[in-house]
């Protein structure tokens, strides 16, 4: 290979890895397509012009707890952070790094990745390294907040992950939760929304968080969709947590309540048919919600922490021995 081509590959790699230009921006500079830029970046890596070094932090996992979760709930994989920090704001980045490690091991050209929303999913996307793929797609699987913190919103997370993977992306141009079931049904029939959801159902991987009705940690409350009174009403209706904003009871069943019919996004049954669903959630305050998600049969893998995993397993065992309620200790 001549020196001129090697110099071109080095320049493109420098723009992408050192200067933070997107593949589209580089394509415009050199008068080529974005897919061509992706191929050139892969060539630069193959030839050793770019050397990728992954330095995982000293995050230790509890293999015993992970195996227990897999055996008890039929998971493919479970990554359990062995020594979680007490502060939830410190816990999330570490869970994100573990989940990013899991996601990287499942990436391949042509993959379609469905992305949820929330602080846990944001932690995963933030922890992801640049990893150019060919003809990959990232699709938003649940509607947008439209206000609040845009960094944890579905459109921004889909765009950000797609940029890191050199992938195309599809937004779901709709709010996460609407005022009535009638409005929801009308929006779900709108052509662009229906097309995006059809693509979301074809995803190879989905990355989701697990919501809780605990008002301190409820993402739906923080986003302004629910009040503390709403959360108390959900508790009275049997809700303990949610996946893709669909409220679950403690057995992991989707509740037949109006709120669930006002969500714009894929259904839980759609999620169940996606080949690999990865959930990320931690903290003892979410233990009962995590347990519900584990019982639902939706998940193929989970990233959580040792305290949450132990409590979820304890609650599961306790319920097997008694018909009593979970009690306030689960929230």
C-alpha atoms as a PDB file:
ATOM      1  CA  UNK A   1       0.000   0.000   0.000  1.00  0.00           C
ATOM      2  CA  UNK A   2       1.396   3.396  -0.963  1.00  0.00           C
ATOM      3  CA  UNK A   3       2.311   6.099   1.523  1.00  0.00           C
ATOM      4  CA  UNK A   4      -0.345   8.468   0.195  1.00  0.00           C
ATOM      5  CA  UNK A   5      -3.187   6.116   1.110  1.00  0.00           C
ATOM      6  CA  UNK A   6      -1.670   5.398   4.528  1.00  0.00           C
ATOM      7  CA  UNK A   7      -1.424   9.143   5.170  1.00  0.00           C
ATOM      8  CA  UNK A   8      -5.070   9.561   4.150  1.00  0.00           C
ATOM      9  CA  UNK A   9      -6.160   6.791   6.523  1.00  0.00           C
ATOM     10  CA  UNK A  10      -4.128   8.356   9.330  1.00  0.00           C
ATOM     11  CA  UNK A  11      -5.712  11.760   8.708  1.00  0.00           C
ATOM     12  CA  UNK A  12      -9.246  10.354   8.693  1.00  0.00           C
ATOM     13  CA  UNK A  13      -8.522   8.413  11.881  1.00  0.00           C
ATOM     14  CA  UNK A  14      -7.118  11.540  13.519  1.00  0.00           C
ATOM     15  CA  UNK A  15     -10.202  13.571  12.615  1.00  0.00           C
ATOM     16  CA  UNK A  16     -12.470  10.876  14.027  1.00  0.00           C
ATOM     17  CA  UNK A  17     -10.644   9.651  17.140  1.00  0.00           C
ATOM     18  CA  UNK A  18      -8.646  12.719  18.177  1.00  0.00           C
ATOM     19  CA  UNK A  19     -10.686  15.675  16.973  1.00  0.00           C
ATOM     20  CA  UNK A  20     -14.175  14.243  17.493  1.00  0.00           C
ATOM     21  CA  UNK A  21     -15.529  14.825  13.977  1.00  0.00           C
ATOM     22  CA  UNK A  22     -18.481  12.647  13.028  1.00  0.00           C
ATOM     23  CA  UNK A  23     -18.296  10.284  10.087  1.00  0.00           C
ATOM     24  CA  UNK A  24     -20.735  12.535   8.222  1.00  0.00           C
ATOM     25  CA  UNK A  25     -18.499  15.564   8.768  1.00  0.00           C
ATOM     26  CA  UNK A  26     -15.455  13.647   7.542  1.00  0.00           C
ATOM     27  CA  UNK A  27     -17.401  12.418   4.525  1.00  0.00           C
ATOM     28  CA  UNK A  28     -18.203  16.004   3.594  1.00  0.00           C
ATOM     29  CA  UNK A  29     -14.532  16.981   3.930  1.00  0.00           C
ATOM     30  CA  UNK A  30     -13.257  14.261   1.602  1.00  0.00           C
ATOM     31  CA  UNK A  31     -16.239  14.111  -0.743  1.00  0.00           C
ATOM     32  CA  UNK A  32     -17.156  10.514   0.082  1.00  0.00           C
ATOM     33  CA  UNK A  33     -20.156   8.775   1.642  1.00  0.00           C
ATOM     34  CA  UNK A  34     -20.470   8.140   5.369  1.00  0.00           C
ATOM     35  CA  UNK A  35     -20.371   4.378   4.741  1.00  0.00           C
ATOM     36  CA  UNK A  36     -17.068   4.855   2.880  1.00  0.00           C
ATOM     37  CA  UNK A  37     -15.648   6.725   5.889  1.00  0.00           C
ATOM     38  CA  UNK A  38     -16.734   3.844   8.124  1.00  0.00           C
ATOM     39  CA  UNK A  39     -14.899   1.375   5.864  1.00  0.00           C
ATOM     40  CA  UNK A  40     -11.765   3.542   5.853  1.00  0.00           C
ATOM     41  CA  UNK A  41     -11.787   3.681   9.661  1.00  0.00           C
ATOM     42  CA  UNK A  42     -12.068  -0.087   9.821  1.00  0.00           C
ATOM     43  CA  UNK A  43      -9.171  -0.365   7.364  1.00  0.00           C
ATOM     44  CA  UNK A  44      -7.081   1.960   9.543  1.00  0.00           C
ATOM     45  CA  UNK A  45      -7.725  -0.291  12.535  1.00  0.00           C
ATOM     46  CA  UNK A  46      -6.948  -3.443  10.538  1.00  0.00           C
ATOM     47  CA  UNK A  47      -3.632  -2.015   9.342  1.00  0.00           C
ATOM     48  CA  UNK A  48      -2.607  -0.956  12.846  1.00  0.00           C
ATOM     49  CA  UNK A  49      -2.772   2.773  12.101  1.00  0.00           C
ATOM     50  CA  UNK A  50      -5.306   2.963  14.921  1.00  0.00           C
ATOM     51  CA  UNK A  51      -4.623   0.925  18.030  1.00  0.00           C
ATOM     52  CA  UNK A  52      -7.599   0.467  20.329  1.00  0.00           C
ATOM     53  CA  UNK A  53      -6.811  -0.182  23.956  1.00  0.00           C
ATOM     54  CA  UNK A  54      -9.616  -0.864  26.389  1.00  0.00           C
ATOM     55  CA  UNK A  55      -8.611  -0.229  29.985  1.00  0.00           C
ATOM     56  CA  UNK A  56     -11.406  -1.477  32.157  1.00  0.00           C
ATOM     57  CA  UNK A  57     -11.508   0.082  35.604  1.00  0.00           C
ATOM     58  CA  UNK A  58     -11.169  -2.137  38.635  1.00  0.00           C
ATOM     59  CA  UNK A  59     -14.817  -3.115  38.642  1.00  0.00           C
ATOM     60  CA  UNK A  60     -15.176  -6.490  40.300  1.00  0.00           C
ATOM     61  CA  UNK A  61     -18.232  -8.631  39.706  1.00  0.00           C
ATOM     62  CA  UNK A  62     -19.821 -11.136  42.047  1.00  0.00           C
ATOM     63  CA  UNK A  63     -19.883 -14.299  39.963  1.00  0.00           C
ATOM     64  CA  UNK A  64     -21.837 -16.260  42.576  1.00  0.00           C
ATOM     65  CA  UNK A  65     -24.670 -13.745  42.707  1.00  0.00           C
ATOM     66  CA  UNK A  66     -24.646 -13.496  38.937  1.00  0.00           C
ATOM     67  CA  UNK A  67     -24.994 -17.259  38.618  1.00  0.00           C
ATOM     68  CA  UNK A  68     -27.837 -17.250  41.152  1.00  0.00           C
ATOM     69  CA  UNK A  69     -29.742 -14.638  39.152  1.00  0.00           C
ATOM     70  CA  UNK A  70     -29.246 -16.605  35.929  1.00  0.00           C
ATOM     71  CA  UNK A  71     -30.323 -19.896  37.477  1.00  0.00           C
ATOM     72  CA  UNK A  72     -33.308 -18.447  39.330  1.00  0.00           C
ATOM     73  CA  UNK A  73     -34.715 -16.310  36.535  1.00  0.00           C
ATOM     74  CA  UNK A  74     -33.472 -17.997  33.376  1.00  0.00           C
ATOM     75  CA  UNK A  75     -31.121 -15.230  32.259  1.00  0.00           C
ATOM     76  CA  UNK A  76     -28.329 -15.661  29.739  1.00  0.00           C
ATOM     77  CA  UNK A  77     -25.991 -13.373  31.665  1.00  0.00           C
ATOM     78  CA  UNK A  78     -25.964 -11.316  34.846  1.00  0.00           C
ATOM     79  CA  UNK A  79     -23.227  -8.836  35.751  1.00  0.00           C
ATOM     80  CA  UNK A  80     -23.344  -7.959  39.457  1.00  0.00           C
ATOM     81  CA  UNK A  81     -21.117  -5.160  40.740  1.00  0.00           C
ATOM     82  CA  UNK A  82     -19.433  -6.670  43.784  1.00  0.00           C
ATOM     83  CA  UNK A  83     -18.627  -3.568  45.860  1.00  0.00           C
ATOM     84  CA  UNK A  84     -21.131  -0.882  44.920  1.00  0.00           C
ATOM     85  CA  UNK A  85     -20.613   2.640  46.246  1.00  0.00           C
ATOM     86  CA  UNK A  86     -23.301   3.885  48.645  1.00  0.00           C
ATOM     87  CA  UNK A  87     -24.058   6.978  46.558  1.00  0.00           C
ATOM     88  CA  UNK A  88     -26.455   6.284  43.674  1.00  0.00           C
ATOM     89  CA  UNK A  89     -24.819   8.996  41.568  1.00  0.00           C
ATOM     90  CA  UNK A  90     -21.540   7.076  41.857  1.00  0.00           C
ATOM     91  CA  UNK A  91     -23.202   3.706  41.318  1.00  0.00           C
ATOM     92  CA  UNK A  92     -24.738   4.558  37.943  1.00  0.00           C
ATOM     93  CA  UNK A  93     -21.459   5.234  36.084  1.00  0.00           C
ATOM     94  CA  UNK A  94     -20.044   1.922  37.289  1.00  0.00           C
ATOM     95  CA  UNK A  95     -23.144   0.030  36.187  1.00  0.00           C
ATOM     96  CA  UNK A  96     -22.901   1.871  32.884  1.00  0.00           C
ATOM     97  CA  UNK A  97     -19.328   0.699  32.383  1.00  0.00           C
ATOM     98  CA  UNK A  98     -20.289  -2.925  33.061  1.00  0.00           C
ATOM     99  CA  UNK A  99     -23.244  -2.675  30.692  1.00  0.00           C
ATOM    100  CA  UNK A 100     -21.122  -1.047  27.978  1.00  0.00           C
ATOM    101  CA  UNK A 101     -18.727  -3.981  28.272  1.00  0.00           C
ATOM    102  CA  UNK A 102     -21.668  -6.338  27.760  1.00  0.00           C
ATOM    103  CA  UNK A 103     -22.995  -4.355  24.813  1.00  0.00           C
ATOM    104  CA  UNK A 104     -19.612  -4.285  23.064  1.00  0.00           C
ATOM    105  CA  UNK A 105     -19.459  -8.082  23.168  1.00  0.00           C
ATOM    106  CA  UNK A 106     -22.732  -8.261  21.206  1.00  0.00           C
ATOM    107  CA  UNK A 107     -21.999  -5.679  18.510  1.00  0.00           C
ATOM    108  CA  UNK A 108     -21.622  -6.605  14.853  1.00  0.00           C
ATOM    109  CA  UNK A 109     -22.098  -5.027  11.438  1.00  0.00           C
ATOM    110  CA  UNK A 110     -25.713  -4.663  10.370  1.00  0.00           C
ATOM    111  CA  UNK A 111     -27.056  -4.793  13.928  1.00  0.00           C
ATOM    112  CA  UNK A 112     -30.192  -2.912  15.013  1.00  0.00           C
ATOM    113  CA  UNK A 113     -30.149  -1.615  18.591  1.00  0.00           C
ATOM    114  CA  UNK A 114     -33.261  -0.417  20.399  1.00  0.00           C
ATOM    115  CA  UNK A 115     -32.672   2.244  23.041  1.00  0.00           C
ATOM    116  CA  UNK A 116     -34.897   3.195  25.952  1.00  0.00           C
ATOM    117  CA  UNK A 117     -34.364   6.251  28.122  1.00  0.00           C
ATOM    118  CA  UNK A 118     -33.384   7.315  31.622  1.00  0.00           C
ATOM    119  CA  UNK A 119     -30.299   7.740  33.763  1.00  0.00           C
ATOM    120  CA  UNK A 120     -29.206   4.095  33.600  1.00  0.00           C
ATOM    121  CA  UNK A 121     -29.353   3.936  29.807  1.00  0.00           C
ATOM    122  CA  UNK A 122     -27.541   7.276  29.688  1.00  0.00           C
ATOM    123  CA  UNK A 123     -24.768   5.766  31.844  1.00  0.00           C
ATOM    124  CA  UNK A 124     -24.368   2.931  29.324  1.00  0.00           C
ATOM    125  CA  UNK A 125     -24.186   5.211  26.295  1.00  0.00           C
ATOM    126  CA  UNK A 126     -21.790   7.552  28.070  1.00  0.00           C
ATOM    127  CA  UNK A 127     -19.463   4.641  28.907  1.00  0.00           C
ATOM    128  CA  UNK A 128     -19.387   3.326  25.330  1.00  0.00           C
ATOM    129  CA  UNK A 129     -16.195   3.875  23.347  1.00  0.00           C
ATOM    130  CA  UNK A 130     -16.125   4.771  19.674  1.00  0.00           C
ATOM    131  CA  UNK A 131     -16.746   1.486  17.868  1.00  0.00           C
ATOM    132  CA  UNK A 132     -17.448   2.007  14.150  1.00  0.00           C
ATOM    133  CA  UNK A 133     -19.830  -0.503  12.559  1.00  0.00           C
ATOM    134  CA  UNK A 134     -21.109  -0.931   9.041  1.00  0.00           C
ATOM    135  CA  UNK A 135     -24.816  -0.513   8.279  1.00  0.00           C
ATOM    136  CA  UNK A 136     -25.875  -0.540  11.923  1.00  0.00           C
ATOM    137  CA  UNK A 137     -29.013   1.215  13.155  1.00  0.00           C
ATOM    138  CA  UNK A 138     -30.027   2.659  16.503  1.00  0.00           C
ATOM    139  CA  UNK A 139     -33.745   3.154  17.050  1.00  0.00           C
ATOM    140  CA  UNK A 140     -35.653   4.872  19.839  1.00  0.00           C
ATOM    141  CA  UNK A 141     -38.168   2.374  21.285  1.00  0.00           C
ATOM    142  CA  UNK A 142     -40.197   4.675  23.531  1.00  0.00           C
ATOM    143  CA  UNK A 143     -41.407   8.247  23.180  1.00  0.00           C
ATOM    144  CA  UNK A 144     -39.526  11.330  24.289  1.00  0.00           C
ATOM    145  CA  UNK A 145     -39.747  13.469  27.391  1.00  0.00           C
ATOM    146  CA  UNK A 146     -39.555  16.672  25.365  1.00  0.00           C
ATOM    147  CA  UNK A 147     -38.351  18.632  28.390  1.00  0.00           C
ATOM    148  CA  UNK A 148     -36.282  18.215  31.537  1.00  0.00           C
ATOM    149  CA  UNK A 149     -32.809  16.769  31.106  1.00  0.00           C
ATOM    150  CA  UNK A 150     -32.286  16.115  27.371  1.00  0.00           C
ATOM    151  CA  UNK A 151     -29.243  13.938  28.018  1.00  0.00           C
ATOM    152  CA  UNK A 152     -31.365  11.120  29.450  1.00  0.00           C
ATOM    153  CA  UNK A 153     -34.071  11.434  26.796  1.00  0.00           C
ATOM    154  CA  UNK A 154     -34.532   8.784  24.128  1.00  0.00           C
ATOM    155  CA  UNK A 155     -33.747  10.908  21.031  1.00  0.00           C
ATOM    156  CA  UNK A 156     -30.468  12.200  22.445  1.00  0.00           C
ATOM    157  CA  UNK A 157     -29.395   8.761  23.630  1.00  0.00           C
ATOM    158  CA  UNK A 158     -30.182   7.213  20.238  1.00  0.00           C
ATOM    159  CA  UNK A 159     -28.282   9.963  18.414  1.00  0.00           C
ATOM    160  CA  UNK A 160     -25.300   9.769  20.782  1.00  0.00           C
ATOM    161  CA  UNK A 161     -24.987   5.983  20.613  1.00  0.00           C
ATOM    162  CA  UNK A 162     -25.371   6.045  16.831  1.00  0.00           C
ATOM    163  CA  UNK A 163     -22.568   8.607  16.582  1.00  0.00           C
ATOM    164  CA  UNK A 164     -20.255   6.407  18.626  1.00  0.00           C
ATOM    165  CA  UNK A 165     -21.032   3.389  16.459  1.00  0.00           C
ATOM    166  CA  UNK A 166     -21.043   5.195  13.133  1.00  0.00           C
ATOM    167  CA  UNK A 167     -24.640   4.030  12.758  1.00  0.00           C
ATOM    168  CA  UNK A 168     -27.802   5.564  11.379  1.00  0.00           C
ATOM    169  CA  UNK A 169     -30.588   6.351  13.821  1.00  0.00           C
ATOM    170  CA  UNK A 170     -34.342   6.678  13.927  1.00  0.00           C
ATOM    171  CA  UNK A 171     -36.265   8.921  16.297  1.00  0.00           C
ATOM    172  CA  UNK A 172     -39.737   8.197  17.626  1.00  0.00           C
ATOM    173  CA  UNK A 173     -41.416  11.553  17.066  1.00  0.00           C
ATOM    174  CA  UNK A 174     -43.923  11.329  19.906  1.00  0.00           C
ATOM    175  CA  UNK A 175     -44.157  12.007  23.642  1.00  0.00           C
ATOM    176  CA  UNK A 176     -43.563   9.171  26.067  1.00  0.00           C
ATOM    177  CA  UNK A 177     -46.939   9.532  27.750  1.00  0.00           C
ATOM    178  CA  UNK A 178     -50.070  11.246  26.421  1.00  0.00           C
ATOM    179  CA  UNK A 179     -53.203  12.525  28.112  1.00  0.00           C
ATOM    180  CA  UNK A 180     -55.659   9.842  27.020  1.00  0.00           C
ATOM    181  CA  UNK A 181     -55.939   6.394  25.504  1.00  0.00           C
ATOM    182  CA  UNK A 182     -57.688   7.907  22.483  1.00  0.00           C
ATOM    183  CA  UNK A 183     -54.737  10.210  21.780  1.00  0.00           C
ATOM    184  CA  UNK A 184     -52.359   7.273  22.176  1.00  0.00           C
ATOM    185  CA  UNK A 185     -54.263   5.157  19.676  1.00  0.00           C
ATOM    186  CA  UNK A 186     -54.332   7.999  17.171  1.00  0.00           C
ATOM    187  CA  UNK A 187     -50.596   8.612  17.464  1.00  0.00           C
ATOM    188  CA  UNK A 188     -49.762   4.923  17.175  1.00  0.00           C
ATOM    189  CA  UNK A 189     -51.534   4.865  13.815  1.00  0.00           C
ATOM    190  CA  UNK A 190     -49.593   7.862  12.478  1.00  0.00           C
ATOM    191  CA  UNK A 191     -47.387   6.659   9.619  1.00  0.00           C
ATOM    192  CA  UNK A 192     -43.922   7.771  10.780  1.00  0.00           C
ATOM    193  CA  UNK A 193     -44.541   6.622  14.351  1.00  0.00           C
ATOM    194  CA  UNK A 194     -45.869   3.266  13.160  1.00  0.00           C
ATOM    195  CA  UNK A 195     -42.847   2.804  10.879  1.00  0.00           C
ATOM    196  CA  UNK A 196     -40.383   3.598  13.655  1.00  0.00           C
ATOM    197  CA  UNK A 197     -42.101   1.188  16.044  1.00  0.00           C
ATOM    198  CA  UNK A 198     -42.099  -1.491  13.338  1.00  0.00           C
ATOM    199  CA  UNK A 199     -38.321  -1.047  13.058  1.00  0.00           C
ATOM    200  CA  UNK A 200     -37.996  -1.120  16.869  1.00  0.00           C
ATOM    201  CA  UNK A 201     -39.742  -4.494  16.940  1.00  0.00           C
ATOM    202  CA  UNK A 202     -37.056  -5.838  14.593  1.00  0.00           C
ATOM    203  CA  UNK A 203     -34.187  -4.820  16.894  1.00  0.00           C
ATOM    204  CA  UNK A 204     -31.511  -7.398  17.648  1.00  0.00           C
ATOM    205  CA  UNK A 205     -30.697  -5.842  21.032  1.00  0.00           C
ATOM    206  CA  UNK A 206     -32.656  -3.572  23.365  1.00  0.00           C
ATOM    207  CA  UNK A 207     -31.113  -1.560  26.204  1.00  0.00           C
ATOM    208  CA  UNK A 208     -33.600  -0.559  28.905  1.00  0.00           C
ATOM    209  CA  UNK A 209     -33.751   0.737  32.434  1.00  0.00           C
ATOM    210  CA  UNK A 210     -36.082  -0.422  35.187  1.00  0.00           C
ATOM    211  CA  UNK A 211     -38.349   2.183  36.729  1.00  0.00           C
ATOM    212  CA  UNK A 212     -39.692   2.292  40.273  1.00  0.00           C
ATOM    213  CA  UNK A 213     -42.692   3.798  42.040  1.00  0.00           C
ATOM    214  CA  UNK A 214     -40.407   4.991  44.819  1.00  0.00           C
ATOM    215  CA  UNK A 215     -40.867   8.782  44.497  1.00  0.00           C
ATOM    216  CA  UNK A 216     -37.188   9.488  45.242  1.00  0.00           C
ATOM    217  CA  UNK A 217     -36.017   7.434  42.261  1.00  0.00           C
ATOM    218  CA  UNK A 218     -39.001   7.513  39.902  1.00  0.00           C
ATOM    219  CA  UNK A 219     -37.886   8.698  36.464  1.00  0.00           C
ATOM    220  CA  UNK A 220     -41.493   9.320  35.444  1.00  0.00           C
ATOM    221  CA  UNK A 221     -41.958  11.602  38.455  1.00  0.00           C
ATOM    222  CA  UNK A 222     -38.649  13.365  37.800  1.00  0.00           C
ATOM    223  CA  UNK A 223     -39.721  13.923  34.191  1.00  0.00           C
ATOM    224  CA  UNK A 224     -42.976  15.517  35.339  1.00  0.00           C
ATOM    225  CA  UNK A 225     -45.301  12.839  34.008  1.00  0.00           C
ATOM    226  CA  UNK A 226     -46.362  11.537  37.431  1.00  0.00           C
ATOM    227  CA  UNK A 227     -46.894  13.086  40.847  1.00  0.00           C
ATOM    228  CA  UNK A 228     -46.394  11.486  44.247  1.00  0.00           C
ATOM    229  CA  UNK A 229     -50.175  11.002  44.399  1.00  0.00           C
ATOM    230  CA  UNK A 230     -50.041   9.220  41.030  1.00  0.00           C
ATOM    231  CA  UNK A 231     -47.329   6.927  42.359  1.00  0.00           C
ATOM    232  CA  UNK A 232     -49.408   6.122  45.450  1.00  0.00           C
ATOM    233  CA  UNK A 233     -52.352   5.265  43.207  1.00  0.00           C
ATOM    234  CA  UNK A 234     -50.121   2.995  41.161  1.00  0.00           C
ATOM    235  CA  UNK A 235     -48.952   1.303  44.342  1.00  0.00           C
ATOM    236  CA  UNK A 236     -52.585   0.740  45.326  1.00  0.00           C
ATOM    237  CA  UNK A 237     -53.203  -0.805  41.886  1.00  0.00           C
ATOM    238  CA  UNK A 238     -50.384  -3.263  42.497  1.00  0.00           C
ATOM    239  CA  UNK A 239     -47.537  -1.625  40.584  1.00  0.00           C
ATOM    240  CA  UNK A 240     -43.964  -2.027  41.819  1.00  0.00           C
ATOM    241  CA  UNK A 241     -41.986  -0.794  38.804  1.00  0.00           C
ATOM    242  CA  UNK A 242     -41.880  -0.473  35.051  1.00  0.00           C
ATOM    243  CA  UNK A 243     -40.044  -1.394  31.885  1.00  0.00           C
ATOM    244  CA  UNK A 244     -40.408   0.951  28.878  1.00  0.00           C
ATOM    245  CA  UNK A 245     -42.863   2.873  31.105  1.00  0.00           C
ATOM    246  CA  UNK A 246     -45.260  -0.099  31.292  1.00  0.00           C
ATOM    247  CA  UNK A 247     -46.183  -0.703  34.921  1.00  0.00           C
ATOM    248  CA  UNK A 248     -45.595  -4.220  36.278  1.00  0.00           C
ATOM    249  CA  UNK A 249     -46.992  -5.962  39.338  1.00  0.00           C
ATOM    250  CA  UNK A 250     -44.704  -7.864  41.687  1.00  0.00           C
ATOM    251  CA  UNK A 251     -45.028 -11.029  39.589  1.00  0.00           C
ATOM    252  CA  UNK A 252     -43.788  -9.171  36.517  1.00  0.00           C
ATOM    253  CA  UNK A 253     -47.181  -9.006  34.818  1.00  0.00           C
ATOM    254  CA  UNK A 254     -48.171  -5.909  32.861  1.00  0.00           C
ATOM    255  CA  UNK A 255     -51.010  -4.208  34.709  1.00  0.00           C
ATOM    256  CA  UNK A 256     -54.263  -3.628  32.838  1.00  0.00           C
ATOM    257  CA  UNK A 257     -54.532   0.050  33.778  1.00  0.00           C
ATOM    258  CA  UNK A 258     -55.169   3.246  31.770  1.00  0.00           C
ATOM    259  CA  UNK A 259     -51.635   4.550  32.308  1.00  0.00           C
ATOM    260  CA  UNK A 260     -50.133   1.626  30.408  1.00  0.00           C
ATOM    261  CA  UNK A 261     -52.439   2.327  27.487  1.00  0.00           C
ATOM    262  CA  UNK A 262     -51.297   5.958  27.292  1.00  0.00           C
ATOM    263  CA  UNK A 263     -47.631   5.087  26.643  1.00  0.00           C
ATOM    264  CA  UNK A 264     -46.199   5.650  23.162  1.00  0.00           C
ATOM    265  CA  UNK A 265     -43.629   2.971  22.516  1.00  0.00           C
ATOM    266  CA  UNK A 266     -43.209  -0.712  21.902  1.00  0.00           C
ATOM    267  CA  UNK A 267     -45.298  -3.101  23.955  1.00  0.00           C
ATOM    268  CA  UNK A 268     -43.809  -5.433  26.536  1.00  0.00           C
ATOM    269  CA  UNK A 269     -44.724  -8.349  24.258  1.00  0.00           C
ATOM    270  CA  UNK A 270     -42.724  -6.692  21.474  1.00  0.00           C
ATOM    271  CA  UNK A 271     -39.778  -6.371  23.837  1.00  0.00           C
ATOM    272  CA  UNK A 272     -40.090 -10.023  24.799  1.00  0.00           C
ATOM    273  CA  UNK A 273     -39.559 -11.050  21.163  1.00  0.00           C
ATOM    274  CA  UNK A 274     -36.314  -9.073  20.757  1.00  0.00           C
ATOM    275  CA  UNK A 275     -33.432 -11.612  20.823  1.00  0.00           C
ATOM    276  CA  UNK A 276     -31.367  -9.896  23.525  1.00  0.00           C
ATOM    277  CA  UNK A 277     -32.844  -7.497  26.087  1.00  0.00           C
ATOM    278  CA  UNK A 278     -30.343  -5.951  28.493  1.00  0.00           C
ATOM    279  CA  UNK A 279     -31.639  -4.149  31.584  1.00  0.00           C
ATOM    280  CA  UNK A 280     -29.518  -1.846  33.732  1.00  0.00           C
ATOM    281  CA  UNK A 281     -30.656  -0.892  37.236  1.00  0.00           C
ATOM    282  CA  UNK A 282     -29.255  -0.782  40.736  1.00  0.00           C
ATOM    283  CA  UNK A 283     -29.753   0.282  44.322  1.00  0.00           C
ATOM    284  CA  UNK A 284     -31.788  -1.373  47.060  1.00  0.00           C
ATOM    285  CA  UNK A 285     -34.612   1.119  46.491  1.00  0.00           C
ATOM    286  CA  UNK A 286     -35.193  -0.578  43.152  1.00  0.00           C
ATOM    287  CA  UNK A 287     -34.971  -4.165  44.412  1.00  0.00           C
ATOM    288  CA  UNK A 288     -38.701  -4.917  44.165  1.00  0.00           C
ATOM    289  CA  UNK A 289     -38.890  -3.326  40.703  1.00  0.00           C
ATOM    290  CA  UNK A 290     -35.830  -5.323  39.605  1.00  0.00           C
ATOM    291  CA  UNK A 291     -37.447  -8.488  40.947  1.00  0.00           C
ATOM    292  CA  UNK A 292     -40.620  -7.788  38.965  1.00  0.00           C
ATOM    293  CA  UNK A 293     -38.570  -7.253  35.802  1.00  0.00           C
ATOM    294  CA  UNK A 294     -36.667 -10.495  36.426  1.00  0.00           C
ATOM    295  CA  UNK A 295     -39.917 -12.407  36.896  1.00  0.00           C
ATOM    296  CA  UNK A 296     -41.475 -10.930  33.767  1.00  0.00           C
ATOM    297  CA  UNK A 297     -39.510 -13.151  31.391  1.00  0.00           C
ATOM    298  CA  UNK A 298     -38.598 -10.092  29.317  1.00  0.00           C
ATOM    299  CA  UNK A 299     -34.924  -9.908  30.185  1.00  0.00           C
ATOM    300  CA  UNK A 300     -32.055 -11.881  28.727  1.00  0.00           C
ATOM    301  CA  UNK A 301     -29.376 -10.104  30.760  1.00  0.00           C
ATOM    302  CA  UNK A 302     -29.120  -7.673  33.618  1.00  0.00           C
ATOM    303  CA  UNK A 303     -26.466  -5.387  35.039  1.00  0.00           C
ATOM    304  CA  UNK A 304     -27.033  -4.545  38.688  1.00  0.00           C
ATOM    305  CA  UNK A 305     -25.205  -4.329  42.003  1.00  0.00           C
ATOM    306  CA  UNK A 306     -24.684  -6.822  44.799  1.00  0.00           C
ATOM    307  CA  UNK A 307     -26.968  -5.081  47.317  1.00  0.00           C
ATOM    308  CA  UNK A 308     -29.900  -4.948  44.890  1.00  0.00           C
ATOM    309  CA  UNK A 309     -29.284  -8.509  43.678  1.00  0.00           C
ATOM    310  CA  UNK A 310     -29.182  -9.945  47.206  1.00  0.00           C
ATOM    311  CA  UNK A 311     -32.354  -8.155  48.225  1.00  0.00           C
ATOM    312  CA  UNK A 312     -34.189  -9.201  45.055  1.00  0.00           C
ATOM    313  CA  UNK A 313     -33.208 -12.834  45.656  1.00  0.00           C
ATOM    314  CA  UNK A 314     -34.212 -12.575  49.320  1.00  0.00           C
ATOM    315  CA  UNK A 315     -37.605 -11.151  48.401  1.00  0.00           C
ATOM    316  CA  UNK A 316     -38.089 -13.884  45.823  1.00  0.00           C
ATOM    317  CA  UNK A 317     -37.287 -16.590  48.385  1.00  0.00           C
ATOM    318  CA  UNK A 318     -39.455 -14.950  51.026  1.00  0.00           C
ATOM    319  CA  UNK A 319     -42.437 -14.895  48.707  1.00  0.00           C
ATOM    320  CA  UNK A 320     -41.904 -18.572  47.992  1.00  0.00           C
ATOM    321  CA  UNK A 321     -42.232 -19.248  51.703  1.00  0.00           C
ATOM    322  CA  UNK A 322     -45.112 -16.917  52.434  1.00  0.00           C
ATOM    323  CA  UNK A 323     -48.124 -15.382  50.741  1.00  0.00           C
ATOM    324  CA  UNK A 324     -47.558 -12.091  52.562  1.00  0.00           C
ATOM    325  CA  UNK A 325     -46.799  -8.785  50.889  1.00  0.00           C
ATOM    326  CA  UNK A 326     -43.323  -7.496  50.147  1.00  0.00           C
ATOM    327  CA  UNK A 327     -43.631  -4.736  52.692  1.00  0.00           C
ATOM    328  CA  UNK A 328     -42.132  -1.302  52.822  1.00  0.00           C
ATOM    329  CA  UNK A 329     -38.566  -2.645  52.996  1.00  0.00           C
ATOM    330  CA  UNK A 330     -38.757  -3.272  49.221  1.00  0.00           C
ATOM    331  CA  UNK A 331     -39.128   0.393  48.413  1.00  0.00           C
END
